[in-house]
C-alpha atoms as a PDB file:
ATOM      1  CA  MET A   1      -7.882  -2.643  32.465  1.00  0.00           C
ATOM      2  CA  LEU A   2      -5.388   0.066  31.545  1.00  0.00           C
ATOM      3  CA  LEU A   3      -4.593   1.224  28.011  1.00  0.00           C
ATOM      4  CA  ARG A   4      -0.944   0.735  28.881  1.00  0.00           C
ATOM      5  CA  GLN A   5      -1.533  -2.998  29.325  1.00  0.00           C
ATOM      6  CA  LEU A   6      -2.992  -3.181  25.838  1.00  0.00           C
ATOM      7  CA  GLU A   7      -0.032  -1.235  24.453  1.00  0.00           C
ATOM      8  CA  TYR A   8       2.319  -3.778  26.053  1.00  0.00           C
ATOM      9  CA  LEU A   9       0.387  -6.650  24.480  1.00  0.00           C
ATOM     10  CA  VAL A  10       0.502  -5.059  21.026  1.00  0.00           C
ATOM     11  CA  ALA A  11       4.247  -4.476  21.389  1.00  0.00           C
ATOM     12  CA  LEU A  12       4.812  -8.088  22.492  1.00  0.00           C
ATOM     13  CA  ALA A  13       2.882  -9.460  19.512  1.00  0.00           C
ATOM     14  CA  ARG A  14       4.783  -7.154  17.154  1.00  0.00           C
ATOM     15  CA  GLU A  15       8.274  -7.829  18.542  1.00  0.00           C
ATOM     16  CA  GLY A  16       7.772 -11.526  19.333  1.00  0.00           C
ATOM     17  CA  HIS A  17      10.100 -11.213  22.332  1.00  0.00           C
ATOM     18  CA  PHE A  18       9.564  -9.976  25.913  1.00  0.00           C
ATOM     19  CA  SER A  19      12.840  -8.091  26.139  1.00  0.00           C
ATOM     20  CA  ARG A  20      12.458  -6.299  22.788  1.00  0.00           C
ATOM     21  CA  ALA A  21       8.834  -5.438  23.603  1.00  0.00           C
ATOM     22  CA  ALA A  22       9.872  -3.961  26.944  1.00  0.00           C
ATOM     23  CA  GLN A  23      12.600  -1.947  25.244  1.00  0.00           C
ATOM     24  CA  ALA A  24      10.134  -0.641  22.656  1.00  0.00           C
ATOM     25  CA  CYS A  25       7.781   0.434  25.475  1.00  0.00           C
ATOM     26  CA  HIS A  26      10.615   1.969  27.538  1.00  0.00           C
ATOM     27  CA  VAL A  27       9.911  -0.218  30.588  1.00  0.00           C
ATOM     28  CA  SER A  28      11.683  -3.102  32.285  1.00  0.00           C
ATOM     29  CA  GLN A  29      10.902  -6.647  31.194  1.00  0.00           C
ATOM     30  CA  PRO A  30       9.492  -7.599  34.630  1.00  0.00           C
ATOM     31  CA  SER A  31       7.132  -4.596  34.473  1.00  0.00           C
ATOM     32  CA  LEU A  32       5.860  -5.587  31.032  1.00  0.00           C
ATOM     33  CA  SER A  33       5.417  -9.242  32.034  1.00  0.00           C
ATOM     34  CA  ALA A  34       3.584  -8.261  35.222  1.00  0.00           C
ATOM     35  CA  ALA A  35       1.231  -5.956  33.321  1.00  0.00           C
ATOM     36  CA  ILE A  36       0.302  -8.696  30.850  1.00  0.00           C
ATOM     37  CA  ARG A  37      -0.225 -11.195  33.708  1.00  0.00           C
ATOM     38  CA  LYS A  38      -2.524  -8.654  35.351  1.00  0.00           C
ATOM     39  CA  LEU A  39      -4.423  -8.307  32.076  1.00  0.00           C
ATOM     40  CA  GLU A  40      -4.857 -12.086  31.954  1.00  0.00           C
ATOM     41  CA  HIS A  41      -6.141 -12.025  35.526  1.00  0.00           C
ATOM     42  CA  GLU A  42      -8.601  -9.201  34.846  1.00  0.00           C
ATOM     43  CA  LEU A  43      -9.979 -10.868  31.703  1.00  0.00           C
ATOM     44  CA  ASP A  44      -9.750 -14.356  33.281  1.00  0.00           C
ATOM     45  CA  VAL A  45      -8.217 -15.928  30.146  1.00  0.00           C
ATOM     46  CA  PRO A  46      -4.714 -17.068  29.209  1.00  0.00           C
ATOM     47  CA  ILE A  47      -3.263 -14.618  26.686  1.00  0.00           C
ATOM     48  CA  VAL A  48       0.382 -15.644  26.219  1.00  0.00           C
ATOM     49  CA  ARG A  49       1.782 -19.130  25.626  1.00  0.00           C
ATOM     50  CA  ARG A  50       4.638 -19.313  28.082  1.00  0.00           C
ATOM     51  CA  GLY A  51       7.653 -21.547  28.198  1.00  0.00           C
ATOM     52  CA  ASN A  52      11.318 -20.732  28.431  1.00  0.00           C
ATOM     53  CA  ARG A  53      10.622 -17.937  25.964  1.00  0.00           C
ATOM     54  CA  TYR A  54       7.732 -16.191  24.249  1.00  0.00           C
ATOM     55  CA  ASP A  55       5.851 -18.758  22.165  1.00  0.00           C
ATOM     56  CA  GLY A  56       3.022 -16.721  20.699  1.00  0.00           C
ATOM     57  CA  LEU A  57      -0.516 -15.959  21.818  1.00  0.00           C
ATOM     58  CA  THR A  58      -3.315 -18.305  22.766  1.00  0.00           C
ATOM     59  CA  PRO A  59      -6.533 -18.224  20.704  1.00  0.00           C
ATOM     60  CA  GLU A  60      -8.004 -16.024  23.440  1.00  0.00           C
ATOM     61  CA  GLY A  61      -4.893 -13.856  23.258  1.00  0.00           C
ATOM     62  CA  GLU A  62      -5.339 -13.385  19.503  1.00  0.00           C
ATOM     63  CA  ARG A  63      -8.870 -12.158  20.133  1.00  0.00           C
ATOM     64  CA  VAL A  64      -7.695  -9.796  22.880  1.00  0.00           C
ATOM     65  CA  LEU A  65      -4.997  -8.509  20.505  1.00  0.00           C
ATOM     66  CA  LEU A  66      -7.605  -7.687  17.865  1.00  0.00           C
ATOM     67  CA  TRP A  67      -9.600  -5.688  20.410  1.00  0.00           C
ATOM     68  CA  ALA A  68      -6.419  -4.047  21.686  1.00  0.00           C
ATOM     69  CA  HIS A  69      -5.645  -2.727  18.199  1.00  0.00           C
ATOM     70  CA  ARG A  70      -9.204  -1.437  17.895  1.00  0.00           C
ATOM     71  CA  ILE A  71      -9.336   0.195  21.323  1.00  0.00           C
ATOM     72  CA  LEU A  72      -5.949   1.888  20.973  1.00  0.00           C
ATOM     73  CA  ALA A  73      -6.789   3.132  17.475  1.00  0.00           C
ATOM     74  CA  GLU A  74     -10.087   4.588  18.628  1.00  0.00           C
ATOM     75  CA  CYS A  75      -8.429   6.257  21.615  1.00  0.00           C
ATOM     76  CA  GLU A  76      -5.942   7.897  19.269  1.00  0.00           C
ATOM     77  CA  GLU A  77      -8.792   9.002  17.024  1.00  0.00           C
ATOM     78  CA  LEU A  78     -10.537  10.489  20.052  1.00  0.00           C
ATOM     79  CA  ARG A  79      -7.418  12.508  20.863  1.00  0.00           C
ATOM     80  CA  GLN A  80      -7.173  13.663  17.242  1.00  0.00           C
ATOM     81  CA  ASP A  81     -10.868  14.558  17.183  1.00  0.00           C
ATOM     82  CA  LEU A  82     -10.577  16.728  20.273  1.00  0.00           C
ATOM     83  CA  SER A  83      -7.345  18.296  19.020  1.00  0.00           C
ATOM     84  CA  THR A  84      -8.964  19.056  15.664  1.00  0.00           C
ATOM     85  CA  MET A  85     -11.881  20.818  17.358  1.00  0.00           C
ATOM     86  CA  GLU A  86      -9.415  23.131  19.070  1.00  0.00           C
ATOM     87  CA  ASN A  87      -6.511  23.498  16.648  1.00  0.00           C
ATOM     88  CA  GLY A  88      -7.451  21.995  13.269  1.00  0.00           C
ATOM     89  CA  LEU A  89      -6.491  18.628  11.837  1.00  0.00           C
ATOM     90  CA  ALA A  90      -3.206  17.255  13.158  1.00  0.00           C
ATOM     91  CA  GLY A  91      -1.705  13.813  13.731  1.00  0.00           C
ATOM     92  CA  THR A  92      -0.106  11.449  11.242  1.00  0.00           C
ATOM     93  CA  LEU A  93      -1.822  10.090   8.147  1.00  0.00           C
ATOM     94  CA  ARG A  94      -0.558   6.522   7.658  1.00  0.00           C
ATOM     95  CA  ILE A  95      -0.747   5.430   4.001  1.00  0.00           C
ATOM     96  CA  GLY A  96       0.080   1.984   2.693  1.00  0.00           C
ATOM     97  CA  ALA A  97       0.630   2.010  -1.075  1.00  0.00           C
ATOM     98  CA  ILE A  98       1.440  -0.726  -3.533  1.00  0.00           C
ATOM     99  CA  PRO A  99       4.738   0.133  -5.280  1.00  0.00           C
ATOM    100  CA  THR A 100       3.086   0.903  -8.610  1.00  0.00           C
ATOM    101  CA  THR A 101       1.018   3.725  -7.077  1.00  0.00           C
ATOM    102  CA  LEU A 102       3.855   5.517  -5.300  1.00  0.00           C
ATOM    103  CA  THR A 103       4.439   7.687  -8.367  1.00  0.00           C
ATOM    104  CA  VAL A 104       0.891   9.048  -8.000  1.00  0.00           C
ATOM    105  CA  ALA A 105       0.943   9.651  -4.234  1.00  0.00           C
ATOM    106  CA  PRO A 106       2.342  13.231  -4.495  1.00  0.00           C
ATOM    107  CA  LEU A 107      -0.747  14.264  -6.469  1.00  0.00           C
ATOM    108  CA  LEU A 108      -2.695  13.700  -3.229  1.00  0.00           C
ATOM    109  CA  THR A 109      -0.207  14.261  -0.417  1.00  0.00           C
ATOM    110  CA  THR A 110       0.923  17.666  -1.697  1.00  0.00           C
ATOM    111  CA  PRO A 111      -2.552  19.288  -1.570  1.00  0.00           C
ATOM    112  CA  PHE A 112      -3.288  17.372   1.659  1.00  0.00           C
ATOM    113  CA  CYS A 113      -0.277  18.926   3.404  1.00  0.00           C
ATOM    114  CA  ALA A 114      -1.131  22.348   1.974  1.00  0.00           C
ATOM    115  CA  ARG A 115      -4.681  22.123   3.337  1.00  0.00           C
ATOM    116  CA  TYR A 116      -3.658  20.649   6.705  1.00  0.00           C
ATOM    117  CA  PRO A 117      -0.220  22.085   7.580  1.00  0.00           C
ATOM    118  CA  ARG A 118      -0.281  20.630  11.113  1.00  0.00           C
ATOM    119  CA  ALA A 119      -0.741  17.061   9.843  1.00  0.00           C
ATOM    120  CA  ARG A 120       2.057  14.722   8.832  1.00  0.00           C
ATOM    121  CA  VAL A 121       2.119  11.902   6.292  1.00  0.00           C
ATOM    122  CA  SER A 122       3.806   8.506   6.551  1.00  0.00           C
ATOM    123  CA  ILE A 123       3.879   6.345   3.389  1.00  0.00           C
ATOM    124  CA  GLU A 124       4.905   2.687   3.295  1.00  0.00           C
ATOM    125  CA  SER A 125       5.394   0.543   0.208  1.00  0.00           C
ATOM    126  CA  LEU A 126       3.355  -2.631   0.830  1.00  0.00           C
ATOM    127  CA  SER A 127       1.767  -5.495  -1.055  1.00  0.00           C
ATOM    128  CA  SER A 128      -1.982  -5.404  -1.644  1.00  0.00           C
ATOM    129  CA  GLN A 129      -2.443  -8.248   0.867  1.00  0.00           C
ATOM    130  CA  ASP A 130      -0.427  -6.413   3.526  1.00  0.00           C
ATOM    131  CA  ILE A 131      -2.504  -3.285   3.021  1.00  0.00           C
ATOM    132  CA  VAL A 132      -5.743  -5.197   3.635  1.00  0.00           C
ATOM    133  CA  HIS A 133      -4.288  -6.889   6.724  1.00  0.00           C
ATOM    134  CA  ARG A 134      -2.905  -3.706   8.258  1.00  0.00           C
ATOM    135  CA  LEU A 135      -6.124  -1.789   7.682  1.00  0.00           C
ATOM    136  CA  THR A 136      -7.904  -4.552   9.600  1.00  0.00           C
ATOM    137  CA  GLU A 137      -5.304  -4.347  12.380  1.00  0.00           C
ATOM    138  CA  PHE A 138      -5.715  -0.531  12.629  1.00  0.00           C
ATOM    139  CA  GLU A 139      -2.076  -0.061  11.616  1.00  0.00           C
ATOM    140  CA  LEU A 140      -2.952   2.014   8.534  1.00  0.00           C
ATOM    141  CA  ASP A 141      -5.454   4.781   7.880  1.00  0.00           C
ATOM    142  CA  VAL A 142      -5.592   4.561   4.076  1.00  0.00           C
ATOM    143  CA  GLY A 143      -4.461   2.176   1.360  1.00  0.00           C
ATOM    144  CA  MET A 144      -3.662   2.953  -2.281  1.00  0.00           C
ATOM    145  CA  THR A 145      -4.143  -0.226  -4.259  1.00  0.00           C
ATOM    146  CA  TYR A 146      -6.023  -2.067  -6.992  1.00  0.00           C
ATOM    147  CA  LEU A 147      -9.776  -2.150  -6.450  1.00  0.00           C
ATOM    148  CA  ASP A 148     -10.523  -5.144  -8.676  1.00  0.00           C
ATOM    149  CA  GLY A 149      -9.639  -8.798  -8.950  1.00  0.00           C
ATOM    150  CA  GLU A 150      -8.601  -9.719  -5.396  1.00  0.00           C
ATOM    151  CA  PRO A 151     -10.575  -9.572  -2.123  1.00  0.00           C
ATOM    152  CA  LEU A 152     -10.193  -6.367  -0.141  1.00  0.00           C
ATOM    153  CA  GLY A 153     -12.233  -7.317   2.915  1.00  0.00           C
ATOM    154  CA  ARG A 154     -14.568  -4.840   4.582  1.00  0.00           C
ATOM    155  CA  VAL A 155     -13.384  -1.537   3.166  1.00  0.00           C
ATOM    156  CA  ARG A 156     -14.774   1.575   1.540  1.00  0.00           C
ATOM    157  CA  THR A 157     -13.316   2.288  -1.875  1.00  0.00           C
ATOM    158  CA  PHE A 158     -12.711   5.564  -3.693  1.00  0.00           C
ATOM    159  CA  PRO A 159     -11.539   5.155  -7.320  1.00  0.00           C
ATOM    160  CA  LEU A 160      -8.775   7.469  -8.568  1.00  0.00           C
ATOM    161  CA  TYR A 161      -7.872   6.289 -12.089  1.00  0.00           C
ATOM    162  CA  GLU A 162      -7.723   3.317 -14.456  1.00  0.00           C
ATOM    163  CA  GLU A 163      -4.340   1.878 -15.338  1.00  0.00           C
ATOM    164  CA  LYS A 164      -3.307   2.103 -19.002  1.00  0.00           C
ATOM    165  CA  TYR A 165      -0.438  -0.009 -20.319  1.00  0.00           C
ATOM    166  CA  LEU A 166       2.377   1.072 -22.609  1.00  0.00           C
ATOM    167  CA  LEU A 167       5.275  -0.750 -24.212  1.00  0.00           C
ATOM    168  CA  LEU A 168       8.531   1.048 -23.457  1.00  0.00           C
ATOM    169  CA  VAL A 169      11.074   0.377 -26.237  1.00  0.00           C
ATOM    170  CA  PRO A 170      14.305   1.932 -27.599  1.00  0.00           C
ATOM    171  CA  SER A 171      13.529   4.721 -30.069  1.00  0.00           C
ATOM    172  CA  ASP A 172      15.159   2.757 -32.904  1.00  0.00           C
ATOM    173  CA  HIS A 173      13.163  -0.414 -32.135  1.00  0.00           C
ATOM    174  CA  VAL A 174      11.075  -1.906 -34.945  1.00  0.00           C
ATOM    175  CA  LEU A 175       7.891  -1.300 -32.877  1.00  0.00           C
ATOM    176  CA  ALA A 176       8.718   2.281 -31.902  1.00  0.00           C
ATOM    177  CA  GLU A 177       6.733   3.849 -34.753  1.00  0.00           C
ATOM    178  CA  GLN A 178       3.598   1.722 -34.268  1.00  0.00           C
ATOM    179  CA  GLN A 179       0.361   3.417 -33.218  1.00  0.00           C
ATOM    180  CA  VAL A 180      -0.644   0.400 -31.107  1.00  0.00           C
ATOM    181  CA  VAL A 181       1.212  -2.808 -30.213  1.00  0.00           C
ATOM    182  CA  GLY A 182      -0.426  -6.177 -29.573  1.00  0.00           C
ATOM    183  CA  TRP A 183       0.300  -8.129 -26.397  1.00  0.00           C
ATOM    184  CA  ALA A 184       1.534 -11.125 -28.386  1.00  0.00           C
ATOM    185  CA  ASP A 185       4.170  -8.939 -30.061  1.00  0.00           C
ATOM    186  CA  ALA A 186       5.139  -7.418 -26.721  1.00  0.00           C
ATOM    187  CA  ALA A 187       5.696 -10.885 -25.253  1.00  0.00           C
ATOM    188  CA  LYS A 188       8.355 -11.613 -27.896  1.00  0.00           C
ATOM    189  CA  GLN A 189      10.585  -8.726 -26.826  1.00  0.00           C
ATOM    190  CA  PRO A 190      13.482  -8.918 -24.326  1.00  0.00           C
ATOM    191  CA  LEU A 191      11.531  -7.780 -21.283  1.00  0.00           C
ATOM    192  CA  CYS A 192      12.201  -6.349 -17.857  1.00  0.00           C
ATOM    193  CA  LEU A 193       9.081  -6.683 -15.668  1.00  0.00           C
ATOM    194  CA  LEU A 194       8.056  -6.528 -12.048  1.00  0.00           C
ATOM    195  CA  SER A 195       8.281  -9.832 -10.173  1.00  0.00           C
ATOM    196  CA  GLU A 196       5.469 -12.374 -10.001  1.00  0.00           C
ATOM    197  CA  GLN A 197       4.508 -11.728  -6.367  1.00  0.00           C
ATOM    198  CA  MET A 198       3.374  -8.236  -7.314  1.00  0.00           C
ATOM    199  CA  ARG A 199      -0.214  -7.585  -8.338  1.00  0.00           C
ATOM    200  CA  ASN A 200       0.839  -5.516 -11.362  1.00  0.00           C
ATOM    201  CA  ARG A 201       2.758  -8.479 -12.786  1.00  0.00           C
ATOM    202  CA  ARG A 202      -0.144 -10.854 -12.194  1.00  0.00           C
ATOM    203  CA  ILE A 203      -2.396  -8.469 -14.121  1.00  0.00           C
ATOM    204  CA  LEU A 204       0.096  -8.297 -16.997  1.00  0.00           C
ATOM    205  CA  ASP A 205       0.337 -12.099 -17.094  1.00  0.00           C
ATOM    206  CA  GLU A 206      -3.462 -12.208 -17.375  1.00  0.00           C
ATOM    207  CA  MET A 207      -3.307  -9.750 -20.291  1.00  0.00           C
ATOM    208  CA  PHE A 208      -0.697 -11.837 -22.094  1.00  0.00           C
ATOM    209  CA  ALA A 209      -2.659 -15.040 -21.448  1.00  0.00           C
ATOM    210  CA  SER A 210      -5.869 -13.518 -22.830  1.00  0.00           C
ATOM    211  CA  VAL A 211      -4.252 -13.461 -26.299  1.00  0.00           C
ATOM    212  CA  GLY A 212      -2.580 -16.851 -25.902  1.00  0.00           C
ATOM    213  CA  ALA A 213       0.880 -15.425 -25.137  1.00  0.00           C
ATOM    214  CA  MET A 214       3.249 -15.761 -22.192  1.00  0.00           C
ATOM    215  CA  ALA A 215       5.960 -13.311 -21.200  1.00  0.00           C
ATOM    216  CA  VAL A 216       9.298 -14.715 -20.012  1.00  0.00           C
ATOM    217  CA  PRO A 217      11.229 -11.641 -18.820  1.00  0.00           C
ATOM    218  CA  SER A 218      15.000 -11.538 -18.813  1.00  0.00           C
ATOM    219  CA  ILE A 219      14.962  -9.278 -15.750  1.00  0.00           C
ATOM    220  CA  GLU A 220      12.519  -9.253 -12.837  1.00  0.00           C
ATOM    221  CA  THR A 221      12.498  -6.737  -9.975  1.00  0.00           C
ATOM    222  CA  ASP A 222      10.217  -5.638  -7.156  1.00  0.00           C
ATOM    223  CA  THR A 223      10.693  -1.892  -7.629  1.00  0.00           C
ATOM    224  CA  VAL A 224       9.694   0.438 -10.443  1.00  0.00           C
ATOM    225  CA  SER A 225      12.943   2.394 -10.048  1.00  0.00           C
ATOM    226  CA  ALA A 226      15.068  -0.731 -10.656  1.00  0.00           C
ATOM    227  CA  LEU A 227      12.936  -1.562 -13.687  1.00  0.00           C
ATOM    228  CA  TYR A 228      13.537   1.898 -15.147  1.00  0.00           C
ATOM    229  CA  ALA A 229      17.257   1.683 -14.396  1.00  0.00           C
ATOM    230  CA  HIS A 230      17.532  -1.458 -16.517  1.00  0.00           C
ATOM    231  CA  VAL A 231      15.307  -0.219 -19.341  1.00  0.00           C
ATOM    232  CA  ALA A 232      17.297   3.024 -19.550  1.00  0.00           C
ATOM    233  CA  THR A 233      20.289   0.981 -20.784  1.00  0.00           C
ATOM    234  CA  ARG A 234      18.211   0.348 -23.947  1.00  0.00           C
ATOM    235  CA  ASN A 235      18.930  -3.379 -23.725  1.00  0.00           C
ATOM    236  CA  TRP A 236      15.412  -4.281 -22.616  1.00  0.00           C
ATOM    237  CA  CYS A 237      11.805  -3.334 -23.215  1.00  0.00           C
ATOM    238  CA  SER A 238       9.081  -3.175 -20.572  1.00  0.00           C
ATOM    239  CA  VAL A 239       5.334  -2.956 -20.110  1.00  0.00           C
ATOM    240  CA  ILE A 240       4.662   0.027 -17.865  1.00  0.00           C
ATOM    241  CA  SER A 241       1.666   1.776 -16.371  1.00  0.00           C
ATOM    242  CA  HIS A 242       0.989   5.264 -17.700  1.00  0.00           C
ATOM    243  CA  ALA A 243       0.974   6.433 -14.050  1.00  0.00           C
ATOM    244  CA  TRP A 244       4.730   5.830 -13.842  1.00  0.00           C
ATOM    245  CA  LEU A 245       5.295   8.620 -16.368  1.00  0.00           C
ATOM    246  CA  ASN A 246       4.231  11.022 -13.608  1.00  0.00           C
ATOM    247  CA  MET A 247       7.563  10.446 -11.862  1.00  0.00           C
ATOM    248  CA  PHE A 248       9.929   8.742 -14.297  1.00  0.00           C
ATOM    249  CA  GLY A 249       8.819  10.066 -17.682  1.00  0.00           C
ATOM    250  CA  VAL A 250      10.361   8.421 -20.752  1.00  0.00           C
ATOM    251  CA  PRO A 251      14.107   7.716 -20.512  1.00  0.00           C
ATOM    252  CA  GLN A 252      16.312   9.350 -23.100  1.00  0.00           C
ATOM    253  CA  GLY A 253      16.516   7.281 -26.261  1.00  0.00           C
ATOM    254  CA  MET A 254      13.281   5.402 -25.456  1.00  0.00           C
ATOM    255  CA  ARG A 255       9.708   5.670 -26.674  1.00  0.00           C
ATOM    256  CA  VAL A 256       6.326   4.511 -25.355  1.00  0.00           C
ATOM    257  CA  VAL A 257       3.734   2.853 -27.576  1.00  0.00           C
ATOM    258  CA  PRO A 258       0.178   2.093 -26.346  1.00  0.00           C
ATOM    259  CA  LEU A 259      -0.733  -1.575 -25.960  1.00  0.00           C
ATOM    260  CA  GLU A 260      -4.033  -2.808 -27.330  1.00  0.00           C
ATOM    261  CA  ARG A 261      -6.871  -3.014 -24.831  1.00  0.00           C
ATOM    262  CA  VAL A 262      -7.810  -6.655 -24.394  1.00  0.00           C
ATOM    263  CA  ARG A 263      -9.479  -6.536 -20.968  1.00  0.00           C
ATOM    264  CA  PRO A 264     -11.154  -3.897 -18.781  1.00  0.00           C
ATOM    265  CA  ALA A 265      -8.611  -1.473 -17.332  1.00  0.00           C
ATOM    266  CA  PRO A 266      -7.800  -2.209 -13.670  1.00  0.00           C
ATOM    267  CA  ARG A 267      -8.914   0.514 -11.266  1.00  0.00           C
ATOM    268  CA  ILE A 268      -6.618   2.115  -8.708  1.00  0.00           C
ATOM    269  CA  GLY A 269      -8.054   3.886  -5.699  1.00  0.00           C
ATOM    270  CA  LEU A 270      -8.073   4.653  -2.008  1.00  0.00           C
ATOM    271  CA  VAL A 271      -9.391   2.137   0.521  1.00  0.00           C
ATOM    272  CA  ILE A 272     -10.247   2.768   4.152  1.00  0.00           C
ATOM    273  CA  ALA A 273     -11.631   0.384   6.763  1.00  0.00           C
ATOM    274  CA  ASP A 274     -15.419   0.125   6.776  1.00  0.00           C
ATOM    275  CA  ARG A 275     -16.105   1.429  10.277  1.00  0.00           C
ATOM    276  CA  ASP A 276     -17.606   4.388  12.065  1.00  0.00           C
ATOM    277  CA  PRO A 277     -16.446   6.866  12.969  1.00  0.00           C
ATOM    278  CA  GLU A 278     -13.947   7.079  10.135  1.00  0.00           C
ATOM    279  CA  PRO A 279     -10.426   8.176  11.072  1.00  0.00           C
ATOM    280  CA  LEU A 280     -10.366  11.952  10.622  1.00  0.00           C
ATOM    281  CA  VAL A 281      -7.096  11.915   8.692  1.00  0.00           C
ATOM    282  CA  ALA A 282      -8.424   9.211   6.340  1.00  0.00           C
ATOM    283  CA  ARG A 283     -11.597  11.157   5.603  1.00  0.00           C
ATOM    284  CA  ALA A 284      -9.503  14.297   5.077  1.00  0.00           C
ATOM    285  CA  LEU A 285      -7.418  12.563   2.390  1.00  0.00           C
ATOM    286  CA  VAL A 286     -10.548  11.211   0.698  1.00  0.00           C
ATOM    287  CA  ASP A 287     -11.988  14.745   0.645  1.00  0.00           C
ATOM    288  CA  VAL A 288      -8.742  16.086  -0.858  1.00  0.00           C
ATOM    289  CA  SER A 289      -8.766  13.342  -3.512  1.00  0.00           C
ATOM    290  CA  ALA A 290     -12.247  14.442  -4.591  1.00  0.00           C
ATOM    291  CA  SER A 291     -10.805  17.841  -5.497  1.00  0.00           C
ATOM    292  CA  VAL A 292      -7.901  16.401  -7.532  1.00  0.00           C
ATOM    293  CA  ASP A 293      -8.505  15.125 -11.064  1.00  0.00           C
ATOM    294  CA  VAL A 294      -5.942  12.334 -11.011  1.00  0.00           C
ATOM    295  CA  ARG A 295      -7.162  10.888 -14.311  1.00  0.00           C
ATOM    296  CA  ALA A 296      -6.606  14.190 -16.115  1.00  0.00           C
ATOM    297  CA  ALA A 297      -3.182  14.705 -14.543  1.00  0.00           C
ATOM    298  CA  LEU A 298      -2.022  11.291 -15.726  1.00  0.00           C
ATOM    299  CA  ALA A 299      -3.645  11.630 -19.148  1.00  0.00           C
ATOM    300  CA  ALA A 300      -1.616  14.797 -19.713  1.00  0.00           C
ATOM    301  CA  HIS A 301       1.561  12.693 -19.739  1.00  0.00           C
ATOM    302  CA  LEU A 302       0.125  10.507 -22.499  1.00  0.00           C
ATOM    303  CA  ARG A 303      -0.597  13.574 -24.633  1.00  0.00           C
END
């Protein structure tokens, strides 16, 4: 069995098409098909459902694909390990982050790149479910996501901070001078919130429900930047995480007021797959995070 055969299988499963997979691997389609047939022969199992076109993998093929991801990932880690022994940490750190944590990522990636100048960082905005799946499939090294409330699978967790919630309102709003605002009062405002498929929104809905309220936003979006763009018009209010102040601050003519604490604050942190040896780049980021006081950096914006 050759590693190249496993790479072809991974590409075929990703692309869902023989021709596109061959193009991605820079080989001819007959060469890719022959390599996968040889893999089937060597393992003595059918891997690909064949018809007039690619029709997915057999159950045995799905199992082979899982091992292919694992074997290829560990081979890459071996290369990185040997390279690190000779030249210092290199390679690419692959981070999957839920959108609401992207504003915090520079607090970690900046010192990481300063400590390891030969390493590179790739950050993708993903849902919490996608992060868990792609860690399992060896397609990510680290996730930045919520640590509570939804299953994370077999991962190791490293808390960074607890999310605090603020009501963002126009500076001339009736609630702008309050010391603390209740969730029931916040629900009555014209709101712009993240969409329901996002974990942040589901947490907010739980907060509203805990006081017998329900928020019906006028505007929903799946990005924090679009939310801020609408709120900056001063036509809407929003419930935001204090971590967003790290990038976006408070728009001109707006004010933030703390919301009452009605439930334990959700924790945000790093997650890596629970396996040994750990990816070197993942462990390096965890070590960097231990030297960064993310809580204090975010609390400074509240002050």
